[in-house]
Amino acid sequence: MSAVLPASPLPAAHRSPNQRAWQRFRGNRLGYRSMWAFVALLVLATFGEVFSNDRPFVAHIDGHTYFPIIDNPSDARLGGDFATPADWHDPFVIAHLQQPGNWAIGTLNKHSANSVDYFAKSPAPAAPSAANWLGTDRFGRDMVARLLYGFRVSIWFAIALTVVGVALGVLMGALQGYFAGRVDLTVQRLIEIWGSVPELYLLIIIASIFEPSLLLLLVLLSLWGWIGLSDYVRAEFLRNRSLEFVKAARALGLSNAQIIRRHVLPNSMTPVITFLPFRMSAAILALTSLDFLGLGVPPSTPSLGELLRQGKDSLDAWWIIVPTFALLTVALLLLTFIGDALRDAFDTRKG
């Protein structure tokens, strides 16, 4: 019998441009490791309730099994006097759990973003301790939970804003670059007019009229977030529309929509891909800045900007501003390293 030889890696000359770009990206250790570190932060924040929650996963009390993380039982069902949801930081509940046969399995951090331990021994803001690893904020809320949940709000808002901005930027850039001529000139003039509108002043005016919300911020910031990308997409379309494969597609009778979708757009995505990490960084900074100014999310929503504002107002409570600033800095640095690695990977002059 003949031995089965292992498959040899595909020679560099036979790889597609995207495969070669991916190999160059993997070869950039800083950018590649930064990508996985950022993915780890994203997963940790997205499933924050699994790591930080004031309710246990499962509890067995007096012969009954409860799943408080899904459906929190009332205090009366645990032997208390009230019909309100059970407070698992209540000394009565803690003592009840310590009785023989009773047990509970909880998260690593026993706090949620908006939960307040009314039985804490130290006044808020409390310094780091065994109960609160990074202390509490001015309202007695756990800092680990606030950071975890606040980062989730920031990163998913950044992803949503990036997706909307990329969609609008690609659409407007494609229209200008592919049709060129009067269409390009008209859209360019409209973009110049729209880009001159004072965005911050408009945000302040609207924030004073409407109730702050993430959806409102997403809509407002998306109105301007596509302008920068559209210029790069326009340049790529202007270059690619004159290439031979596009002329061949026109000769075959393909419609403009088919040519754009099948031929021009796939070959014009390099600036879009390299733009993504930097756009996400800008979105995180925008939300954090607006929250810091009080123009962002509703007051009860955990956010990094709100924690920075608390840190500014309570400079003696270093445990509020230092971890928040550190988390924000790490996230922005990771995105910057990823963006630099992507830019180098898609640079055709390298590799």
Protein backbone atom coordinates (compact mmCIF):
# COMPACT_ATOMS: atom_id res chain seq x y z
CA MET A 1 0.00 0.00 0.00
CA SER A 2 1.23 3.45 -0.80
CA ALA A 3 1.58 5.95 2.04
CA VAL A 4 -0.74 8.92 2.08
CA LEU A 5 1.32 12.07 1.90
CA PRO A 6 0.20 15.07 3.97
CA ALA A 7 -1.28 17.91 1.99
CA SER A 8 1.32 20.56 1.39
CA PRO A 9 0.42 24.17 1.97
CA LEU A 10 -0.76 26.10 -1.04
CA PRO A 11 2.18 27.91 -2.71
CA ALA A 12 2.13 31.66 -2.28
CA ALA A 13 1.85 32.16 -6.05
CA HIS A 14 -1.42 30.19 -6.15
CA ARG A 15 -3.12 31.92 -3.24
CA SER A 16 -5.86 34.46 -3.75
CA PRO A 17 -5.20 38.09 -2.76
CA ASN A 18 -7.41 37.66 0.31
CA GLN A 19 -5.51 34.54 1.37
CA ARG A 20 -2.19 36.33 1.00
CA ALA A 21 -3.56 39.27 2.99
CA TRP A 22 -4.73 36.93 5.75
CA GLN A 23 -1.28 35.31 5.88
CA ARG A 24 0.36 38.70 6.18
CA PHE A 25 -2.09 39.64 8.93
CA ARG A 26 -1.33 36.44 10.85
CA GLY A 27 2.35 37.19 10.45
CA ASN A 28 1.87 40.46 12.31
CA ARG A 29 2.01 39.09 15.84
CA LEU A 30 0.95 42.28 17.55
CA GLY A 31 -2.11 42.77 15.37
CA TYR A 32 -3.09 39.08 15.35
CA ARG A 33 -2.82 38.72 19.13
CA SER A 34 -4.63 42.01 19.58
CA MET A 35 -7.51 40.65 17.52
CA TRP A 36 -7.90 37.63 19.79
CA ALA A 37 -7.54 39.76 22.92
CA PHE A 38 -10.28 42.06 21.67
CA VAL A 39 -12.50 39.07 20.81
CA ALA A 40 -11.98 37.79 24.37
CA LEU A 41 -13.05 41.17 25.78
CA LEU A 42 -16.06 41.21 23.47
CA VAL A 43 -17.19 37.72 24.56
CA LEU A 44 -16.63 38.56 28.24
CA ALA A 45 -18.68 41.75 27.96
CA THR A 46 -21.42 40.23 25.79
CA PHE A 47 -22.07 37.45 28.29
CA GLY A 48 -21.53 39.69 31.29
CA GLU A 49 -24.43 38.22 33.25
CA VAL A 50 -22.62 34.86 33.28
CA PHE A 51 -19.57 36.37 34.97
CA SER A 52 -21.10 39.12 37.10
CA ASN A 53 -24.61 38.87 38.53
CA ASP A 54 -26.30 39.52 41.86
CA ARG A 55 -28.41 36.39 41.40
CA PRO A 56 -27.06 32.81 41.44
CA PHE A 57 -27.40 30.39 38.54
CA VAL A 58 -29.20 27.82 40.65
CA ALA A 59 -30.24 27.60 44.32
CA HIS A 60 -31.65 24.73 46.35
CA ILE A 61 -33.54 25.94 49.41
CA ASP A 62 -35.87 23.95 51.67
CA GLY A 63 -36.20 21.16 49.16
CA HIS A 64 -37.03 23.44 46.23
CA THR A 65 -34.73 24.24 43.31
CA TYR A 66 -34.74 27.73 41.80
CA PHE A 67 -32.98 29.31 38.83
CA PRO A 68 -32.77 32.96 39.98
CA ILE A 69 -30.67 34.12 37.02
CA ILE A 70 -33.70 33.36 34.83
CA ASP A 71 -36.63 33.74 37.23
CA ASN A 72 -35.82 35.29 40.60
CA PRO A 73 -38.16 33.99 43.34
CA SER A 74 -39.81 36.31 45.81
CA ASP A 75 -38.47 36.89 49.29
CA ALA A 76 -41.56 35.16 50.73
CA ARG A 77 -40.78 31.91 48.88
CA LEU A 78 -37.40 31.85 50.59
CA GLY A 79 -38.97 32.21 54.03
CA GLY A 80 -39.07 36.01 54.19
CA ASP A 81 -41.95 38.42 54.74
CA PHE A 82 -42.07 40.34 51.47
CA ALA A 83 -43.46 39.59 48.00
CA THR A 84 -40.64 41.52 46.31
CA PRO A 85 -37.86 39.67 44.43
CA ALA A 86 -35.28 38.11 46.70
CA ASP A 87 -32.17 40.11 47.54
CA TRP A 88 -29.34 37.59 47.59
CA HIS A 89 -27.15 40.01 49.56
CA ASP A 90 -29.69 40.10 52.38
CA PRO A 91 -28.12 38.65 55.57
CA PHE A 92 -31.33 36.69 56.15
CA VAL A 93 -31.06 34.99 52.73
CA ILE A 94 -27.33 34.36 53.22
CA ALA A 95 -27.97 32.78 56.62
CA HIS A 96 -30.79 30.69 55.17
CA LEU A 97 -28.46 29.36 52.45
CA GLN A 98 -25.96 28.24 55.10
CA GLN A 99 -28.44 25.89 56.70
CA PRO A 100 -27.94 22.14 56.07
CA GLY A 101 -29.27 21.01 52.70
CA ASN A 102 -29.42 24.52 51.22
CA TRP A 103 -26.92 25.67 48.63
CA ALA A 104 -26.46 28.03 45.68
CA ILE A 105 -24.08 28.26 42.71
CA GLY A 106 -23.43 31.83 41.62
CA THR A 107 -21.21 33.85 39.30
CA LEU A 108 -17.59 34.82 39.94
CA ASN A 109 -18.59 38.37 40.82
CA LYS A 110 -21.74 38.58 42.96
CA HIS A 111 -22.98 41.91 41.65
CA SER A 112 -24.94 43.34 38.70
CA ALA A 113 -24.44 46.74 37.09
CA ASN A 114 -27.34 48.47 38.88
CA SER A 115 -27.56 46.41 42.06
CA VAL A 116 -26.77 48.14 45.34
CA ASP A 117 -25.72 46.24 48.45
CA TYR A 118 -27.78 48.00 51.11
CA PHE A 119 -26.11 45.89 53.77
CA ALA A 120 -22.55 46.97 52.90
CA LYS A 121 -20.40 47.95 55.86
CA SER A 122 -18.51 50.77 54.09
CA PRO A 123 -20.09 53.98 52.74
CA ALA A 124 -20.05 54.61 49.01
CA PRO A 125 -17.80 55.02 47.19
CA ALA A 126 -16.10 52.11 48.93
CA ALA A 127 -12.49 51.12 48.30
CA PRO A 128 -11.64 47.74 46.76
CA SER A 129 -12.32 44.80 49.06
CA ALA A 130 -13.01 41.08 48.98
CA ALA A 131 -16.71 41.78 48.37
CA ASN A 132 -16.09 44.41 45.68
CA TRP A 133 -12.84 43.71 43.86
CA LEU A 134 -12.57 47.20 42.35
CA GLY A 135 -14.66 48.99 44.95
CA THR A 136 -17.98 50.74 44.35
CA ASP A 137 -19.01 53.98 42.66
CA ARG A 138 -20.70 56.95 44.32
CA PHE A 139 -24.03 55.12 44.40
CA GLY A 140 -22.70 51.91 45.93
CA ARG A 141 -22.73 49.92 42.68
CA ASP A 142 -19.97 47.39 42.02
CA MET A 143 -17.23 48.73 39.74
CA VAL A 144 -16.41 45.39 38.11
CA ALA A 145 -20.04 44.98 37.04
CA ARG A 146 -20.31 48.60 35.89
CA LEU A 147 -17.14 48.27 33.80
CA LEU A 148 -18.20 44.95 32.30
CA TYR A 149 -21.72 46.03 31.41
CA GLY A 150 -20.60 49.52 30.38
CA PHE A 151 -18.00 48.13 27.99
CA ARG A 152 -20.69 45.94 26.45
CA VAL A 153 -22.83 48.99 25.76
CA SER A 154 -19.87 50.83 24.23
CA ILE A 155 -18.60 48.01 22.03
CA TRP A 156 -21.97 46.95 20.63
CA PHE A 157 -22.91 50.56 20.02
CA ALA A 158 -19.61 50.94 18.15
CA ILE A 159 -20.33 47.83 16.09
CA ALA A 160 -23.83 49.03 15.20
CA LEU A 161 -22.59 52.52 14.32
CA THR A 162 -19.79 51.04 12.20
CA VAL A 163 -22.16 48.75 10.30
CA VAL A 164 -24.56 51.61 9.51
CA GLY A 165 -21.72 53.97 8.60
CA VAL A 166 -20.06 51.40 6.33
CA ALA A 167 -23.36 50.62 4.56
CA LEU A 168 -24.06 54.30 3.90
CA GLY A 169 -20.45 55.08 3.01
CA VAL A 170 -20.18 52.23 0.53
CA LEU A 171 -23.52 53.16 -1.05
CA MET A 172 -22.70 56.84 -1.51
CA GLY A 173 -19.10 56.19 -2.56
CA ALA A 174 -20.21 53.57 -5.08
CA LEU A 175 -22.75 55.95 -6.64
CA GLN A 176 -20.15 58.69 -7.02
CA GLY A 177 -17.31 56.52 -8.24
CA TYR A 178 -19.16 54.26 -10.65
CA PHE A 179 -21.37 56.80 -12.41
CA ALA A 180 -18.89 59.70 -12.07
CA GLY A 181 -19.60 62.83 -14.11
CA ARG A 182 -22.58 64.89 -12.98
CA VAL A 183 -23.64 62.34 -10.39
CA ASP A 184 -20.23 62.52 -8.73
CA LEU A 185 -20.14 66.31 -8.86
CA THR A 186 -23.67 66.69 -7.44
CA VAL A 187 -23.17 64.23 -4.59
CA GLN A 188 -19.80 65.79 -3.73
CA ARG A 189 -21.36 69.22 -3.36
CA LEU A 190 -24.17 67.78 -1.20
CA ILE A 191 -21.64 66.02 1.01
CA GLU A 192 -19.68 69.25 1.45
CA ILE A 193 -22.84 71.06 2.52
CA TRP A 194 -23.92 68.28 4.88
CA GLY A 195 -20.43 67.91 6.35
CA SER A 196 -20.37 71.60 7.27
CA VAL A 197 -23.36 71.20 9.62
CA PRO A 198 -22.11 71.56 13.25
CA GLU A 199 -22.68 68.03 14.53
CA LEU A 200 -21.99 68.70 18.23
CA TYR A 201 -24.34 71.68 18.41
CA LEU A 202 -27.09 69.68 16.77
CA LEU A 203 -26.55 66.85 19.25
CA ILE A 204 -26.79 69.27 22.18
CA ILE A 205 -30.02 70.77 20.84
CA ILE A 206 -31.66 67.40 20.20
CA ALA A 207 -30.48 65.99 23.55
CA SER A 208 -32.18 68.89 25.32
CA ILE A 209 -35.46 68.17 23.52
CA PHE A 210 -35.67 64.36 23.51
CA GLU A 211 -35.03 61.74 26.17
CA PRO A 212 -31.47 60.37 25.77
CA SER A 213 -31.35 56.90 24.23
CA LEU A 214 -28.89 54.68 22.38
CA LEU A 215 -31.16 54.52 19.34
CA LEU A 216 -31.33 58.32 19.10
CA LEU A 217 -27.54 58.55 19.37
CA LEU A 218 -27.11 55.84 16.76
CA VAL A 219 -29.34 57.68 14.29
CA LEU A 220 -27.72 61.07 14.89
CA LEU A 221 -24.11 59.87 14.69
CA SER A 222 -24.88 57.74 11.62
CA LEU A 223 -25.93 60.87 9.76
CA TRP A 224 -22.28 61.94 9.62
CA GLY A 225 -20.37 58.71 10.25
CA TRP A 226 -20.32 57.62 6.61
CA ILE A 227 -18.73 60.70 5.05
CA GLY A 228 -15.07 59.77 5.59
CA LEU A 229 -15.41 56.26 4.20
CA SER A 230 -17.37 57.35 1.13
CA ASP A 231 -14.33 59.27 -0.16
CA TYR A 232 -12.15 56.13 -0.11
CA VAL A 233 -14.83 53.97 -1.73
CA ARG A 234 -15.39 56.64 -4.39
CA ALA A 235 -11.68 56.63 -5.25
CA GLU A 236 -11.63 52.83 -5.56
CA PHE A 237 -14.71 52.80 -7.80
CA LEU A 238 -13.29 55.55 -10.00
CA ARG A 239 -10.16 53.44 -10.50
CA ASN A 240 -11.88 50.08 -11.00
CA ARG A 241 -14.64 51.28 -13.33
CA SER A 242 -12.08 51.79 -16.11
CA LEU A 243 -10.41 48.38 -15.84
CA GLU A 244 -10.71 45.75 -18.54
CA PHE A 245 -12.87 43.28 -16.62
CA VAL A 246 -15.51 45.96 -16.11
CA LYS A 247 -15.49 46.83 -19.80
CA ALA A 248 -15.86 43.12 -20.59
CA ALA A 249 -18.81 42.84 -18.24
CA ARG A 250 -20.51 45.78 -19.97
CA ALA A 251 -19.87 44.15 -23.35
CA LEU A 252 -21.60 40.99 -22.12
CA GLY A 253 -24.71 43.02 -21.38
CA LEU A 254 -24.62 42.97 -17.57
CA SER A 255 -26.58 45.70 -15.85
CA ASN A 256 -24.91 48.37 -13.74
CA ALA A 257 -26.21 46.73 -10.55
CA GLN A 258 -24.74 43.37 -11.58
CA ILE A 259 -21.39 44.89 -12.51
CA ILE A 260 -21.18 46.76 -9.20
CA ARG A 261 -22.21 43.76 -7.10
CA ARG A 262 -20.16 41.08 -8.87
CA HIS A 263 -17.07 42.90 -10.08
CA VAL A 264 -16.42 46.43 -8.83
CA LEU A 265 -17.53 46.18 -5.20
CA PRO A 266 -15.50 43.03 -4.29
CA ASN A 267 -12.39 44.70 -5.71
CA SER A 268 -13.04 47.95 -3.82
CA MET A 269 -13.36 46.57 -0.28
CA THR A 270 -9.76 47.05 0.84
CA PRO A 271 -10.31 50.56 2.30
CA VAL A 272 -13.54 49.36 3.90
CA ILE A 273 -11.84 46.51 5.75
CA THR A 274 -8.92 48.63 6.93
CA PHE A 275 -11.38 51.36 7.97
CA LEU A 276 -13.40 49.16 10.35
CA PRO A 277 -11.17 49.11 13.48
CA PHE A 278 -10.51 52.85 13.34
CA ARG A 279 -14.22 53.56 12.87
CA MET A 280 -15.01 51.43 15.90
CA SER A 281 -12.42 53.34 17.94
CA ALA A 282 -14.00 56.63 16.90
CA ALA A 283 -17.47 55.32 17.81
CA ILE A 284 -16.34 54.22 21.29
CA LEU A 285 -14.71 57.60 21.88
CA ALA A 286 -17.81 59.42 20.62
CA LEU A 287 -20.16 57.56 22.97
CA THR A 288 -17.77 57.93 25.90
CA SER A 289 -17.36 61.67 25.27
CA LEU A 290 -21.10 62.28 24.97
CA ASP A 291 -21.74 60.28 28.15
CA PHE A 292 -19.08 62.29 29.93
CA LEU A 293 -20.90 65.47 28.89
CA GLY A 294 -24.25 64.05 29.97
CA LEU A 295 -25.56 63.82 26.38
CA GLY A 296 -25.33 60.06 25.94
CA VAL A 297 -27.26 57.12 27.32
CA PRO A 298 -29.98 57.32 30.00
CA PRO A 299 -28.64 57.76 33.56
CA SER A 300 -29.37 54.19 34.66
CA THR A 301 -27.48 52.65 31.74
CA PRO A 302 -23.90 51.65 32.62
CA SER A 303 -21.34 53.44 30.48
CA LEU A 304 -17.65 54.26 30.53
CA GLY A 305 -18.30 57.98 30.06
CA GLU A 306 -20.55 58.11 33.12
CA LEU A 307 -17.85 56.40 35.20
CA LEU A 308 -15.23 58.88 33.97
CA ARG A 309 -17.55 61.71 35.01
CA GLN A 310 -17.91 60.14 38.45
CA GLY A 311 -14.14 59.80 38.67
CA LYS A 312 -13.71 63.48 37.84
CA ASP A 313 -16.16 64.43 40.58
CA SER A 314 -14.56 62.05 43.11
CA LEU A 315 -10.83 62.29 42.54
CA ASP A 316 -10.09 60.78 45.96
CA ALA A 317 -11.85 57.56 44.84
CA TRP A 318 -9.08 56.51 42.44
CA TRP A 319 -10.67 53.08 41.92
CA ILE A 320 -13.39 54.70 39.79
CA ILE A 321 -11.35 56.58 37.21
CA VAL A 322 -8.19 54.44 36.99
CA PRO A 323 -9.79 51.10 35.95
CA THR A 324 -12.21 52.90 33.62
CA PHE A 325 -9.43 54.81 31.90
CA ALA A 326 -7.30 51.65 31.73
CA LEU A 327 -10.09 49.61 30.10
CA LEU A 328 -10.82 52.37 27.59
CA THR A 329 -7.12 52.73 26.75
CA VAL A 330 -6.61 48.97 26.30
CA ALA A 331 -9.66 48.67 24.03
CA LEU A 332 -8.57 51.59 21.82
CA LEU A 333 -4.98 50.32 21.64
CA LEU A 334 -6.14 46.85 20.60
CA LEU A 335 -8.30 48.32 17.84
CA THR A 336 -5.41 50.52 16.69
CA PHE A 337 -3.03 47.54 16.51
CA ILE A 338 -5.64 45.55 14.58
CA GLY A 339 -6.20 48.44 12.17
CA ASP A 340 -2.48 48.90 11.55
CA ALA A 341 -2.05 45.18 10.92
CA LEU A 342 -4.99 45.11 8.48
CA ARG A 343 -3.66 48.13 6.63
CA ASP A 344 -0.25 46.48 6.22
CA ALA A 345 -1.83 43.15 5.27
CA PHE A 346 -3.84 44.65 2.41
CA ASP A 347 -0.97 46.81 1.19
CA THR A 348 -0.11 45.20 -2.16
CA ARG A 349 3.38 46.65 -2.03
CA LYS A 350 4.19 44.30 0.89
CA GLY A 351 4.49 40.56 0.56
